[in-house]
Amino acid sequence: TAESGNPPDHPAQVDVAVDAKGNYTVNKAAVPAGNANALSNALKSAAGGMKDPVVVINADANAAHQSVVRVMEAAQLAGLAKITFTTQAPRK
């Protein structure tokens, strides 16, 4: 049995990927590129009943800066304050 004092194996997080063309996926589900409001709705839906989830942004190195900023704006609109980024080692 799990004890309530132990951290969960999977923290509450919403994964957002941004590819080089500016396409978005939220928890591996494609989201139509558009404005921050559409992306915000997708983030809210993905967060569901999670308590204080973290939005994890994984952007392609060639993604436009504005595409990443749009995710941050959408998270703010959705009331999701915790945002972090994943990094990838450069390919050799």
C-alpha atoms as a PDB file:
ATOM      1  CA  THR A   1       0.000   0.000   0.000  1.00  0.00           C
ATOM      2  CA  ALA A   2       1.138   3.513  -0.687  1.00  0.00           C
ATOM      3  CA  GLU A   3       1.676   5.870   2.173  1.00  0.00           C
ATOM      4  CA  SER A   4       0.239   9.352   1.814  1.00  0.00           C
ATOM      5  CA  GLY A   5       3.584  10.931   2.693  1.00  0.00           C
ATOM      6  CA  ASN A   6       5.388   9.498  -0.332  1.00  0.00           C
ATOM      7  CA  PRO A   7       5.633  11.572  -3.508  1.00  0.00           C
ATOM      8  CA  PRO A   8       3.697  10.207  -6.476  1.00  0.00           C
ATOM      9  CA  ASP A   9       5.573   8.147  -9.059  1.00  0.00           C
ATOM     10  CA  HIS A  10       4.295  10.478 -11.777  1.00  0.00           C
ATOM     11  CA  PRO A  11       4.037  14.126 -10.766  1.00  0.00           C
ATOM     12  CA  ALA A  12       1.086  16.116 -12.054  1.00  0.00           C
ATOM     13  CA  GLN A  13       2.338  17.470 -15.338  1.00  0.00           C
ATOM     14  CA  VAL A  14       1.094  18.501 -18.749  1.00  0.00           C
ATOM     15  CA  ASP A  15       3.570  17.871 -21.555  1.00  0.00           C
ATOM     16  CA  VAL A  16       3.617  20.337 -24.438  1.00  0.00           C
ATOM     17  CA  ALA A  17       5.768  19.758 -27.509  1.00  0.00           C
ATOM     18  CA  VAL A  18       6.493  22.422 -30.108  1.00  0.00           C
ATOM     19  CA  ASP A  19       8.031  21.286 -33.382  1.00  0.00           C
ATOM     20  CA  ALA A  20      10.136  23.274 -35.829  1.00  0.00           C
ATOM     21  CA  LYS A  21       7.038  24.205 -37.861  1.00  0.00           C
ATOM     22  CA  GLY A  22       5.212  25.607 -34.825  1.00  0.00           C
ATOM     23  CA  ASN A  23       2.867  22.636 -34.401  1.00  0.00           C
ATOM     24  CA  TYR A  24       1.761  21.788 -30.870  1.00  0.00           C
ATOM     25  CA  THR A  25       0.950  18.586 -29.053  1.00  0.00           C
ATOM     26  CA  VAL A  26      -0.438  18.473 -25.535  1.00  0.00           C
ATOM     27  CA  ASN A  27       0.127  15.126 -23.829  1.00  0.00           C
ATOM     28  CA  LYS A  28       0.860  13.673 -27.293  1.00  0.00           C
ATOM     29  CA  ALA A  29      -2.477  14.888 -28.739  1.00  0.00           C
ATOM     30  CA  ALA A  30      -2.215  17.295 -31.671  1.00  0.00           C
ATOM     31  CA  VAL A  31      -3.589  20.777 -31.027  1.00  0.00           C
ATOM     32  CA  PRO A  32      -4.493  23.031 -33.962  1.00  0.00           C
ATOM     33  CA  ALA A  33      -2.023  25.876 -34.282  1.00  0.00           C
ATOM     34  CA  GLY A  34      -3.771  29.092 -33.529  1.00  0.00           C
ATOM     35  CA  ASN A  35      -4.015  31.607 -30.789  1.00  0.00           C
ATOM     36  CA  ALA A  36      -3.182  31.296 -27.124  1.00  0.00           C
ATOM     37  CA  ASN A  37      -6.872  30.862 -26.220  1.00  0.00           C
ATOM     38  CA  ALA A  38      -7.188  27.624 -28.217  1.00  0.00           C
ATOM     39  CA  LEU A  39      -3.992  26.294 -26.682  1.00  0.00           C
ATOM     40  CA  SER A  40      -5.159  27.386 -23.231  1.00  0.00           C
ATOM     41  CA  ASN A  41      -8.331  25.326 -23.598  1.00  0.00           C
ATOM     42  CA  ALA A  42      -6.254  22.280 -24.542  1.00  0.00           C
ATOM     43  CA  LEU A  43      -4.026  22.806 -21.480  1.00  0.00           C
ATOM     44  CA  LYS A  44      -7.042  23.134 -19.167  1.00  0.00           C
ATOM     45  CA  SER A  45      -8.522  19.956 -20.573  1.00  0.00           C
ATOM     46  CA  ALA A  46      -5.242  18.055 -20.214  1.00  0.00           C
ATOM     47  CA  ALA A  47      -4.766  19.279 -16.632  1.00  0.00           C
ATOM     48  CA  GLY A  48      -8.245  18.033 -15.717  1.00  0.00           C
ATOM     49  CA  GLY A  49      -8.423  17.480 -11.991  1.00  0.00           C
ATOM     50  CA  MET A  50      -4.673  17.555 -11.390  1.00  0.00           C
ATOM     51  CA  LYS A  51      -3.628  19.522  -8.360  1.00  0.00           C
ATOM     52  CA  ASP A  52      -1.173  22.285  -9.295  1.00  0.00           C
ATOM     53  CA  PRO A  53       0.278  20.621 -12.418  1.00  0.00           C
ATOM     54  CA  VAL A  54       3.552  21.608 -14.012  1.00  0.00           C
ATOM     55  CA  VAL A  55       3.530  22.528 -17.708  1.00  0.00           C
ATOM     56  CA  VAL A  56       6.594  20.917 -19.291  1.00  0.00           C
ATOM     57  CA  ILE A  57       7.565  22.554 -22.586  1.00  0.00           C
ATOM     58  CA  ASN A  58       9.732  20.584 -24.997  1.00  0.00           C
ATOM     59  CA  ALA A  59      10.512  22.784 -27.997  1.00  0.00           C
ATOM     60  CA  ASP A  60      12.479  21.835 -31.074  1.00  0.00           C
ATOM     61  CA  ALA A  61      15.702  23.827 -31.358  1.00  0.00           C
ATOM     62  CA  ASN A  62      14.390  25.272 -34.622  1.00  0.00           C
ATOM     63  CA  ALA A  63      10.975  26.261 -33.237  1.00  0.00           C
ATOM     64  CA  ALA A  64      10.198  29.957 -33.413  1.00  0.00           C
ATOM     65  CA  HIS A  65      10.612  31.829 -30.146  1.00  0.00           C
ATOM     66  CA  GLN A  66       7.026  33.095 -30.492  1.00  0.00           C
ATOM     67  CA  SER A  67       5.715  29.503 -30.552  1.00  0.00           C
ATOM     68  CA  VAL A  68       7.225  28.898 -27.118  1.00  0.00           C
ATOM     69  CA  VAL A  69       5.994  32.249 -25.791  1.00  0.00           C
ATOM     70  CA  ARG A  70       2.478  31.295 -26.966  1.00  0.00           C
ATOM     71  CA  VAL A  71       2.605  28.164 -24.767  1.00  0.00           C
ATOM     72  CA  MET A  72       3.617  30.312 -21.798  1.00  0.00           C
ATOM     73  CA  GLU A  73       0.757  32.746 -22.482  1.00  0.00           C
ATOM     74  CA  ALA A  74      -1.695  29.865 -22.828  1.00  0.00           C
ATOM     75  CA  ALA A  75      -0.564  28.366 -19.525  1.00  0.00           C
ATOM     76  CA  GLN A  76      -1.109  31.715 -17.824  1.00  0.00           C
ATOM     77  CA  LEU A  77      -4.599  31.999 -19.340  1.00  0.00           C
ATOM     78  CA  ALA A  78      -5.355  28.465 -18.125  1.00  0.00           C
ATOM     79  CA  GLY A  79      -4.271  29.375 -14.585  1.00  0.00           C
ATOM     80  CA  LEU A  80      -1.262  27.062 -14.721  1.00  0.00           C
ATOM     81  CA  ALA A  81       1.569  28.926 -13.042  1.00  0.00           C
ATOM     82  CA  LYS A  82       4.293  26.273 -12.927  1.00  0.00           C
ATOM     83  CA  ILE A  83       6.247  26.010 -16.176  1.00  0.00           C
ATOM     84  CA  THR A  84       9.486  24.236 -16.916  1.00  0.00           C
ATOM     85  CA  PHE A  85      11.456  23.319 -20.007  1.00  0.00           C
ATOM     86  CA  THR A  86      13.135  20.131 -21.110  1.00  0.00           C
ATOM     87  CA  THR A  87      16.406  20.242 -22.968  1.00  0.00           C
ATOM     88  CA  GLN A  88      18.031  17.951 -25.474  1.00  0.00           C
ATOM     89  CA  ALA A  89      21.725  17.479 -26.038  1.00  0.00           C
ATOM     90  CA  PRO A  90      22.859  18.721 -29.431  1.00  0.00           C
ATOM     91  CA  ARG A  91      23.212  16.029 -32.066  1.00  0.00           C
ATOM     92  CA  LYS A  92      26.794  15.211 -33.040  1.00  0.00           C
END
